[in-house]
PDB file of N, CA and C in Angstrom:
ATOM      1  N   MET A   1     138.738  17.898  -0.538  1.00  0.00           N
ATOM      2  CA  MET A   1     138.921  16.510  -0.511  1.00  0.00           C
ATOM      3  C   MET A   1     137.766  15.840   0.288  1.00  0.00           C
ATOM      4  N   LYS A   2     136.826  15.083  -0.146  1.00  0.00           N
ATOM      5  CA  LYS A   2     135.884  14.395   0.591  1.00  0.00           C
ATOM      6  C   LYS A   2     136.322  12.885   1.018  1.00  0.00           C
ATOM      7  N   PHE A   3     135.915  12.585   2.120  1.00  0.00           N
ATOM      8  CA  PHE A   3     135.968  11.096   2.686  1.00  0.00           C
ATOM      9  C   PHE A   3     134.580  10.433   2.462  1.00  0.00           C
ATOM     10  N   GLY A   4     134.622   9.262   1.907  1.00  0.00           N
ATOM     11  CA  GLY A   4     133.459   8.340   1.918  1.00  0.00           C
ATOM     12  C   GLY A   4     133.490   7.488   3.048  1.00  0.00           C
ATOM     13  N   SER A   5     132.879   6.225   2.722  1.00  0.00           N
ATOM     14  CA  SER A   5     132.717   5.280   3.960  1.00  0.00           C
ATOM     15  C   SER A   5     134.014   4.668   4.286  1.00  0.00           C
ATOM     16  N   ARG A   6     134.094   4.219   5.503  1.00  0.00           N
ATOM     17  CA  ARG A   6     135.212   3.530   6.047  1.00  0.00           C
ATOM     18  C   ARG A   6     135.343   2.027   5.586  1.00  0.00           C
ATOM     19  N   ARG A   7     136.271   1.538   5.024  1.00  0.00           N
ATOM     20  CA  ARG A   7     136.324   0.156   4.662  1.00  0.00           C
ATOM     21  C   ARG A   7     137.589  -0.562   4.937  1.00  0.00           C
ATOM     22  N   GLU A   8     137.651  -1.685   5.651  1.00  0.00           N
ATOM     23  CA  GLU A   8     139.031  -2.323   5.943  1.00  0.00           C
ATOM     24  C   GLU A   8     139.795  -1.463   6.771  1.00  0.00           C
ATOM     25  N   GLY A   9     139.474  -0.512   7.563  1.00  0.00           N
ATOM     26  CA  GLY A   9     140.189   0.192   8.344  1.00  0.00           C
ATOM     27  C   GLY A   9     140.922   1.634   7.731  1.00  0.00           C
ATOM     28  N   ARG A  10     140.486   1.802   6.492  1.00  0.00           N
ATOM     29  CA  ARG A  10     141.015   2.886   5.830  1.00  0.00           C
ATOM     30  C   ARG A  10     139.834   3.672   5.220  1.00  0.00           C
ATOM     31  N   PHE A  11     140.190   5.130   4.995  1.00  0.00           N
ATOM     32  CA  PHE A  11     139.259   5.868   4.502  1.00  0.00           C
ATOM     33  C   PHE A  11     139.298   5.849   2.999  1.00  0.00           C
ATOM     34  N   MET A  12     138.260   5.572   2.230  1.00  0.00           N
ATOM     35  CA  MET A  12     138.279   5.847   0.951  1.00  0.00           C
ATOM     36  C   MET A  12     137.780   7.056   0.418  1.00  0.00           C
ATOM     37  N   ILE A  13     138.723   7.699  -0.685  1.00  0.00           N
ATOM     38  CA  ILE A  13     138.545   8.963  -1.069  1.00  0.00           C
ATOM     39  C   ILE A  13     137.313   9.024  -2.017  1.00  0.00           C
ATOM     40  N   ALA A  14     136.322   9.909  -1.971  1.00  0.00           N
ATOM     41  CA  ALA A  14     135.224   9.927  -2.785  1.00  0.00           C
ATOM     42  C   ALA A  14     135.469  10.749  -3.759  1.00  0.00           C
ATOM     43  N   ASN A  15     136.206  11.834  -3.669  1.00  0.00           N
ATOM     44  CA  ASN A  15     136.470  12.738  -4.803  1.00  0.00           C
ATOM     45  C   ASN A  15     137.847  12.991  -4.880  1.00  0.00           C
ATOM     46  N   ASP A  16     138.524  12.153  -5.545  1.00  0.00           N
ATOM     47  CA  ASP A  16     139.908  12.170  -5.708  1.00  0.00           C
ATOM     48  C   ASP A  16     140.328  13.057  -7.048  1.00  0.00           C
ATOM     49  N   ARG A  17     141.006  14.110  -6.949  1.00  0.00           N
ATOM     50  CA  ARG A  17     141.250  15.157  -8.001  1.00  0.00           C
ATOM     51  C   ARG A  17     142.769  14.947  -8.447  1.00  0.00           C
ATOM     52  N   ARG A  18     143.375  14.000  -8.202  1.00  0.00           N
ATOM     53  CA  ARG A  18     144.804  13.960  -8.610  1.00  0.00           C
ATOM     54  C   ARG A  18     144.860  13.649 -10.195  1.00  0.00           C
ATOM     55  N   ARG A  19     145.746  14.302 -10.701  1.00  0.00           N
ATOM     56  CA  ARG A  19     146.158  14.023 -12.219  1.00  0.00           C
ATOM     57  C   ARG A  19     146.651  12.537 -12.547  1.00  0.00           C
ATOM     58  N   ILE A  20     147.404  12.121 -11.494  1.00  0.00           N
ATOM     59  CA  ILE A  20     148.130  10.851 -11.612  1.00  0.00           C
ATOM     60  C   ILE A  20     147.774   9.888 -10.450  1.00  0.00           C
ATOM     61  N   LYS A  21     147.529   8.621 -10.765  1.00  0.00           N
ATOM     62  CA  LYS A  21     147.151   7.687  -9.703  1.00  0.00           C
ATOM     63  C   LYS A  21     148.461   7.353  -8.942  1.00  0.00           C
ATOM     64  N   ARG A  22     148.232   7.539  -7.633  1.00  0.00           N
ATOM     65  CA  ARG A  22     149.348   7.336  -6.705  1.00  0.00           C
ATOM     66  C   ARG A  22     149.589   5.877  -6.363  1.00  0.00           C
ATOM     67  N   THR A  23     150.808   5.423  -6.216  1.00  0.00           N
ATOM     68  CA  THR A  23     151.136   3.877  -5.865  1.00  0.00           C
ATOM     69  C   THR A  23     151.260   3.859  -4.439  1.00  0.00           C
ATOM     70  N   GLN A  24     150.474   2.922  -3.768  1.00  0.00           N
ATOM     71  CA  GLN A  24     150.458   2.893  -2.470  1.00  0.00           C
ATOM     72  C   GLN A  24     151.729   2.080  -1.920  1.00  0.00           C
ATOM     73  N   VAL A  25     152.213   2.554  -0.887  1.00  0.00           N
ATOM     74  CA  VAL A  25     153.510   2.075  -0.310  1.00  0.00           C
ATOM     75  C   VAL A  25     153.290   2.358   1.128  1.00  0.00           C
ATOM     76  N   LEU A  26     154.277   1.659   1.842  1.00  0.00           N
ATOM     77  CA  LEU A  26     154.250   2.003   3.377  1.00  0.00           C
ATOM     78  C   LEU A  26     155.728   1.992   3.738  1.00  0.00           C
ATOM     79  N   LYS A  27     156.497   3.044   3.364  1.00  0.00           N
ATOM     80  CA  LYS A  27     158.124   3.137   3.533  1.00  0.00           C
ATOM     81  C   LYS A  27     158.505   4.201   4.733  1.00  0.00           C
ATOM     82  N   HIS A  28     159.326   3.839   5.466  1.00  0.00           N
ATOM     83  CA  HIS A  28     159.920   4.956   6.426  1.00  0.00           C
ATOM     84  C   HIS A  28     160.634   5.936   5.880  1.00  0.00           C
ATOM     85  N   ALA A  29     160.431   7.168   6.160  1.00  0.00           N
ATOM     86  CA  ALA A  29     161.235   8.386   5.637  1.00  0.00           C
ATOM     87  C   ALA A  29     161.353   9.393   6.654  1.00  0.00           C
ATOM     88  N   ARG A  30     162.367  10.387   6.401  1.00  0.00           N
ATOM     89  CA  ARG A  30     162.662  11.623   7.270  1.00  0.00           C
ATOM     90  C   ARG A  30     162.242  12.649   6.581  1.00  0.00           C
ATOM     91  N   ILE A  31     161.666  13.648   7.425  1.00  0.00           N
ATOM     92  CA  ILE A  31     161.482  15.114   7.069  1.00  0.00           C
ATOM     93  C   ILE A  31     162.672  15.978   7.422  1.00  0.00           C
ATOM     94  N   LEU A  32     163.385  16.686   6.655  1.00  0.00           N
ATOM     95  CA  LEU A  32     164.377  17.626   6.973  1.00  0.00           C
ATOM     96  C   LEU A  32     163.979  18.954   6.640  1.00  0.00           C
ATOM     97  N   PRO A  33     163.655  19.677   7.816  1.00  0.00           N
ATOM     98  CA  PRO A  33     163.324  21.259   7.598  1.00  0.00           C
ATOM     99  C   PRO A  33     164.560  21.986   6.856  1.00  0.00           C
ATOM    100  N   LEU A  34     164.234  22.859   6.036  1.00  0.00           N
ATOM    101  CA  LEU A  34     165.293  23.633   5.304  1.00  0.00           C
ATOM    102  C   LEU A  34     165.922  24.560   6.218  1.00  0.00           C
ATOM    103  N   ASP A  35     165.408  24.938   7.212  1.00  0.00           N
ATOM    104  CA  ASP A  35     165.914  25.932   8.171  1.00  0.00           C
ATOM    105  C   ASP A  35     166.476  25.488   9.402  1.00  0.00           C
ATOM    106  N   SER A  36     166.535  24.101   9.648  1.00  0.00           N
ATOM    107  CA  SER A  36     166.987  23.631  10.829  1.00  0.00           C
ATOM    108  C   SER A  36     167.602  22.183  10.439  1.00  0.00           C
ATOM    109  N   ALA A  37     168.268  21.523  11.679  1.00  0.00           N
ATOM    110  CA  ALA A  37     168.845  20.329  11.428  1.00  0.00           C
ATOM    111  C   ALA A  37     167.853  19.356  12.190  1.00  0.00           C
ATOM    112  N   HIS A  38     166.791  19.872  12.925  1.00  0.00           N
ATOM    113  CA  HIS A  38     165.936  18.822  13.503  1.00  0.00           C
ATOM    114  C   HIS A  38     165.123  17.834  12.422  1.00  0.00           C
ATOM    115  N   GLU A  39     165.182  16.710  12.482  1.00  0.00           N
ATOM    116  CA  GLU A  39     164.632  15.444  11.683  1.00  0.00           C
ATOM    117  C   GLU A  39     163.377  15.108  12.204  1.00  0.00           C
ATOM    118  N   LEU A  40     162.268  14.792  11.440  1.00  0.00           N
ATOM    119  CA  LEU A  40     161.061  14.209  11.732  1.00  0.00           C
ATOM    120  C   LEU A  40     160.791  13.006  11.133  1.00  0.00           C
ATOM    121  N   ASP A  41     160.519  11.955  11.840  1.00  0.00           N
ATOM    122  CA  ASP A  41     160.170  10.658  11.148  1.00  0.00           C
ATOM    123  C   ASP A  41     158.853  10.752  10.537  1.00  0.00           C
ATOM    124  N   CYS A  42     158.594  10.110   9.509  1.00  0.00           N
ATOM    125  CA  CYS A  42     157.190  10.041   8.678  1.00  0.00           C
ATOM    126  C   CYS A  42     157.007   8.502   7.988  1.00  0.00           C
ATOM    127  N   VAL A  43     155.918   8.402   7.604  1.00  0.00           N
ATOM    128  CA  VAL A  43     155.757   7.108   6.717  1.00  0.00           C
ATOM    129  C   VAL A  43     155.192   7.624   5.386  1.00  0.00           C
ATOM    130  N   ILE A  44     155.711   7.171   4.315  1.00  0.00           N
ATOM    131  CA  ILE A  44     155.426   7.472   3.028  1.00  0.00           C
ATOM    132  C   ILE A  44     154.027   6.437   2.764  1.00  0.00           C
ATOM    133  N   CYS A  45     152.986   6.928   2.616  1.00  0.00           N
ATOM    134  CA  CYS A  45     151.766   6.004   2.458  1.00  0.00           C
ATOM    135  C   CYS A  45     151.402   6.050   0.905  1.00  0.00           C
ATOM    136  N   ASP A  46     151.612   6.786   0.081  1.00  0.00           N
ATOM    137  CA  ASP A  46     151.611   6.638  -1.417  1.00  0.00           C
ATOM    138  C   ASP A  46     152.425   7.710  -2.158  1.00  0.00           C
ATOM    139  N   VAL A  47     152.683   7.466  -3.383  1.00  0.00           N
ATOM    140  CA  VAL A  47     153.732   8.258  -4.029  1.00  0.00           C
ATOM    141  C   VAL A  47     153.460   8.162  -5.473  1.00  0.00           C
ATOM    142  N   THR A  48     153.960   9.391  -6.212  1.00  0.00           N
ATOM    143  CA  THR A  48     153.986   9.394  -7.610  1.00  0.00           C
ATOM    144  C   THR A  48     155.281  10.145  -8.125  1.00  0.00           C
ATOM    145  N   ASN A  49     155.487  10.381  -9.193  1.00  0.00           N
ATOM    146  CA  ASN A  49     156.604  11.391  -9.551  1.00  0.00           C
ATOM    147  C   ASN A  49     156.366  12.865  -9.211  1.00  0.00           C
ATOM    148  N   LEU A  50     155.296  13.162  -9.120  1.00  0.00           N
ATOM    149  CA  LEU A  50     154.938  14.480  -8.642  1.00  0.00           C
ATOM    150  C   LEU A  50     154.665  14.920  -7.214  1.00  0.00           C
ATOM    151  N   GLY A  51     154.349  13.689  -6.425  1.00  0.00           N
ATOM    152  CA  GLY A  51     154.220  14.009  -4.917  1.00  0.00           C
ATOM    153  C   GLY A  51     153.904  12.833  -4.179  1.00  0.00           C
ATOM    154  N   ALA A  52     153.565  12.953  -2.928  1.00  0.00           N
ATOM    155  CA  ALA A  52     153.379  11.951  -1.912  1.00  0.00           C
ATOM    156  C   ALA A  52     152.378  12.228  -0.793  1.00  0.00           C
ATOM    157  N   GLY A  53     151.917  11.046  -0.215  1.00  0.00           N
ATOM    158  CA  GLY A  53     151.081  11.178   0.808  1.00  0.00           C
ATOM    159  C   GLY A  53     151.827  10.708   1.985  1.00  0.00           C
ATOM    160  N   LEU A  54     151.823  11.531   3.004  1.00  0.00           N
ATOM    161  CA  LEU A  54     152.757  11.085   4.259  1.00  0.00           C
ATOM    162  C   LEU A  54     151.815  10.999   5.478  1.00  0.00           C
ATOM    163  N   ARG A  55     152.339  10.354   6.527  1.00  0.00           N
ATOM    164  CA  ARG A  55     151.714  10.271   7.704  1.00  0.00           C
ATOM    165  C   ARG A  55     152.756  10.590   8.881  1.00  0.00           C
ATOM    166  N   ILE A  56     152.412  11.636   9.709  1.00  0.00           N
ATOM    167  CA  ILE A  56     153.436  12.164  10.607  1.00  0.00           C
ATOM    168  C   ILE A  56     152.732  11.751  11.968  1.00  0.00           C
ATOM    169  N   PRO A  57     153.673  11.899  13.088  1.00  0.00           N
ATOM    170  CA  PRO A  57     153.073  11.574  14.474  1.00  0.00           C
ATOM    171  C   PRO A  57     152.029  12.714  14.806  1.00  0.00           C
ATOM    172  N   PRO A  58     151.027  12.566  15.306  1.00  0.00           N
ATOM    173  CA  PRO A  58     149.970  13.496  15.753  1.00  0.00           C
ATOM    174  C   PRO A  58     150.449  14.697  16.475  1.00  0.00           C
ATOM    175  N   SER A  59     151.478  14.546  17.314  1.00  0.00           N
ATOM    176  CA  SER A  59     152.011  15.762  18.083  1.00  0.00           C
ATOM    177  C   SER A  59     152.942  16.587  17.309  1.00  0.00           C
ATOM    178  N   VAL A  60     153.134  16.289  16.037  1.00  0.00           N
ATOM    179  CA  VAL A  60     154.293  16.972  15.221  1.00  0.00           C
ATOM    180  C   VAL A  60     153.775  17.820  14.459  1.00  0.00           C
ATOM    181  N   SER A  61     154.381  18.931  14.158  1.00  0.00           N
ATOM    182  CA  SER A  61     154.002  20.014  13.079  1.00  0.00           C
ATOM    183  C   SER A  61     154.885  19.928  12.148  1.00  0.00           C
ATOM    184  N   ALA A  62     154.604  19.657  10.751  1.00  0.00           N
ATOM    185  CA  ALA A  62     155.591  19.705   9.748  1.00  0.00           C
ATOM    186  C   ALA A  62     155.761  21.133   9.092  1.00  0.00           C
ATOM    187  N   PRO A  63     156.788  21.502   8.849  1.00  0.00           N
ATOM    188  CA  PRO A  63     157.260  22.738   8.101  1.00  0.00           C
ATOM    189  C   PRO A  63     156.306  22.832   6.661  1.00  0.00           C
ATOM    190  N   GLN A  64     156.269  23.980   6.160  1.00  0.00           N
ATOM    191  CA  GLN A  64     155.625  24.148   4.873  1.00  0.00           C
ATOM    192  C   GLN A  64     156.556  23.433   3.780  1.00  0.00           C
ATOM    193  N   THR A  65     157.841  23.649   3.697  1.00  0.00           N
ATOM    194  CA  THR A  65     158.769  23.107   2.826  1.00  0.00           C
ATOM    195  C   THR A  65     159.806  22.337   3.495  1.00  0.00           C
ATOM    196  N   PHE A  66     160.314  21.409   2.950  1.00  0.00           N
ATOM    197  CA  PHE A  66     161.408  20.467   3.441  1.00  0.00           C
ATOM    198  C   PHE A  66     161.868  19.600   2.346  1.00  0.00           C
ATOM    199  N   GLU A  67     162.883  18.851   2.843  1.00  0.00           N
ATOM    200  CA  GLU A  67     163.491  17.696   2.134  1.00  0.00           C
ATOM    201  C   GLU A  67     163.007  16.436   2.576  1.00  0.00           C
ATOM    202  N   LEU A  68     162.420  15.705   1.668  1.00  0.00           N
ATOM    203  CA  LEU A  68     161.952  14.208   2.198  1.00  0.00           C
ATOM    204  C   LEU A  68     163.184  13.248   1.921  1.00  0.00           C
ATOM    205  N   VAL A  69     163.698  12.469   2.751  1.00  0.00           N
ATOM    206  CA  VAL A  69     164.539  11.532   2.705  1.00  0.00           C
ATOM    207  C   VAL A  69     164.137  10.159   2.676  1.00  0.00           C
ATOM    208  N   PHE A  70     164.098   9.370   1.622  1.00  0.00           N
ATOM    209  CA  PHE A  70     163.484   8.093   1.567  1.00  0.00           C
ATOM    210  C   PHE A  70     164.217   7.142   2.221  1.00  0.00           C
ATOM    211  N   GLY A  71     163.759   6.515   3.290  1.00  0.00           N
ATOM    212  CA  GLY A  71     164.490   5.304   3.975  1.00  0.00           C
ATOM    213  C   GLY A  71     166.062   5.634   4.206  1.00  0.00           C
ATOM    214  N   SER A  72     166.683   4.500   4.188  1.00  0.00           N
ATOM    215  CA  SER A  72     168.030   4.751   4.151  1.00  0.00           C
ATOM    216  C   SER A  72     168.936   4.731   3.016  1.00  0.00           C
ATOM    217  N   THR A  73     168.244   4.944   1.919  1.00  0.00           N
ATOM    218  CA  THR A  73     168.889   5.061   0.535  1.00  0.00           C
ATOM    219  C   THR A  73     169.367   6.458   0.350  1.00  0.00           C
ATOM    220  N   LEU A  74     169.094   7.502   1.276  1.00  0.00           N
ATOM    221  CA  LEU A  74     169.376   8.880   1.189  1.00  0.00           C
ATOM    222  C   LEU A  74     168.970   9.598  -0.195  1.00  0.00           C
ATOM    223  N   PHE A  75     167.958   8.962  -0.732  1.00  0.00           N
ATOM    224  CA  PHE A  75     167.204   9.624  -1.907  1.00  0.00           C
ATOM    225  C   PHE A  75     166.351  10.794  -1.361  1.00  0.00           C
ATOM    226  N   ARG A  76     166.703  11.975  -1.876  1.00  0.00           N
ATOM    227  CA  ARG A  76     165.986  13.168  -1.323  1.00  0.00           C
ATOM    228  C   ARG A  76     165.217  13.889  -2.469  1.00  0.00           C
ATOM    229  N   ARG A  77     164.155  14.417  -1.811  1.00  0.00           N
ATOM    230  CA  ARG A  77     163.240  15.234  -2.671  1.00  0.00           C
ATOM    231  C   ARG A  77     162.813  16.425  -1.914  1.00  0.00           C
ATOM    232  N   ARG A  78     162.944  17.661  -2.470  1.00  0.00           N
ATOM    233  CA  ARG A  78     162.280  18.745  -1.958  1.00  0.00           C
ATOM    234  C   ARG A  78     160.744  18.842  -2.150  1.00  0.00           C
ATOM    235  N   CYS A  79     160.122  19.173  -0.988  1.00  0.00           N
ATOM    236  CA  CYS A  79     158.702  19.059  -0.935  1.00  0.00           C
ATOM    237  C   CYS A  79     157.931  20.183  -0.560  1.00  0.00           C
ATOM    238  N   GLU A  80     156.772  20.435  -0.818  1.00  0.00           N
ATOM    239  CA  GLU A  80     155.804  21.548  -0.333  1.00  0.00           C
ATOM    240  C   GLU A  80     154.501  20.988  -0.018  1.00  0.00           C
ATOM    241  N   VAL A  81     154.146  21.241   1.109  1.00  0.00           N
ATOM    242  CA  VAL A  81     152.869  20.853   1.611  1.00  0.00           C
ATOM    243  C   VAL A  81     151.713  21.497   1.048  1.00  0.00           C
ATOM    244  N   LYS A  82     150.953  20.743   0.323  1.00  0.00           N
ATOM    245  CA  LYS A  82     149.771  21.244  -0.277  1.00  0.00           C
ATOM    246  C   LYS A  82     148.344  20.987   0.413  1.00  0.00           C
ATOM    247  N   TRP A  83     148.260  20.074   1.372  1.00  0.00           N
ATOM    248  CA  TRP A  83     147.156  19.988   2.291  1.00  0.00           C
ATOM    249  C   TRP A  83     147.672  19.129   3.422  1.00  0.00           C
ATOM    250  N   ALA A  84     146.944  19.284   4.458  1.00  0.00           N
ATOM    251  CA  ALA A  84     147.039  18.649   5.729  1.00  0.00           C
ATOM    252  C   ALA A  84     145.758  18.399   6.398  1.00  0.00           C
ATOM    253  N   LEU A  85     145.608  16.995   6.898  1.00  0.00           N
ATOM    254  CA  LEU A  85     144.290  16.548   7.756  1.00  0.00           C
ATOM    255  C   LEU A  85     144.924  15.772   8.766  1.00  0.00           C
ATOM    256  N   GLY A  86     144.886  16.256   9.994  1.00  0.00           N
ATOM    257  CA  GLY A  86     145.164  15.292  11.078  1.00  0.00           C
ATOM    258  C   GLY A  86     146.745  14.900  10.941  1.00  0.00           C
ATOM    259  N   GLU A  87     146.978  13.755  10.915  1.00  0.00           N
ATOM    260  CA  GLU A  87     148.411  13.238  10.887  1.00  0.00           C
ATOM    261  C   GLU A  87     148.768  12.959   9.315  1.00  0.00           C
ATOM    262  N   ARG A  88     147.942  13.296   8.460  1.00  0.00           N
ATOM    263  CA  ARG A  88     148.120  13.073   7.031  1.00  0.00           C
ATOM    264  C   ARG A  88     148.544  14.347   6.349  1.00  0.00           C
ATOM    265  N   LEU A  89     149.589  14.334   5.400  1.00  0.00           N
ATOM    266  CA  LEU A  89     150.009  15.359   4.589  1.00  0.00           C
ATOM    267  C   LEU A  89     150.029  14.904   3.108  1.00  0.00           C
ATOM    268  N   GLY A  90     149.665  15.945   2.262  1.00  0.00           N
ATOM    269  CA  GLY A  90     149.731  15.847   0.892  1.00  0.00           C
ATOM    270  C   GLY A  90     150.905  16.711   0.415  1.00  0.00           C
ATOM    271  N   VAL A  91     152.077  16.153  -0.285  1.00  0.00           N
ATOM    272  CA  VAL A  91     153.111  17.037  -0.708  1.00  0.00           C
ATOM    273  C   VAL A  91     153.275  16.911  -2.147  1.00  0.00           C
ATOM    274  N   ALA A  92     153.768  18.060  -2.759  1.00  0.00           N
ATOM    275  CA  ALA A  92     154.318  18.175  -4.263  1.00  0.00           C
ATOM    276  C   ALA A  92     155.726  18.170  -4.127  1.00  0.00           C
ATOM    277  N   PHE A  93     156.366  17.380  -5.019  1.00  0.00           N
ATOM    278  CA  PHE A  93     157.582  17.594  -5.330  1.00  0.00           C
ATOM    279  C   PHE A  93     157.970  18.814  -5.942  1.00  0.00           C
ATOM    280  N   THR A  94     158.969  19.728  -5.481  1.00  0.00           N
ATOM    281  CA  THR A  94     159.104  21.086  -6.054  1.00  0.00           C
ATOM    282  C   THR A  94     160.319  21.085  -7.088  1.00  0.00           C
ATOM    283  N   GLU A  95     161.145  20.081  -6.836  1.00  0.00           N
ATOM    284  CA  GLU A  95     162.444  19.924  -7.913  1.00  0.00           C
ATOM    285  C   GLU A  95     162.373  18.576  -8.523  1.00  0.00           C
ATOM    286  N   VAL A  96     162.349  18.474  -9.948  1.00  0.00           N
ATOM    287  CA  VAL A  96     162.419  17.107 -10.436  1.00  0.00           C
ATOM    288  C   VAL A  96     163.759  16.604 -10.847  1.00  0.00           C
TER     289      VAL A  96
END
């Protein structure tokens, strides 16, 4: 994934290989690792029915697979990390 020029405080993606255009959102969510009870806060930056882009605190390392809990609605999706760059993660939903 290549990054182009910086515009309005956000990086614009120059080479976007996604099959489906993502809807940009800024929603609070929680990462629930499958092997422990320790939750991590995150922000959903964009989403489709196949996956999402997340932002996590820079001091935190996300597990490779986890459940993503959307806000207070307790809507959950199992996820697998597909890429990580700094505090950004790209995840695919593994159960539909």
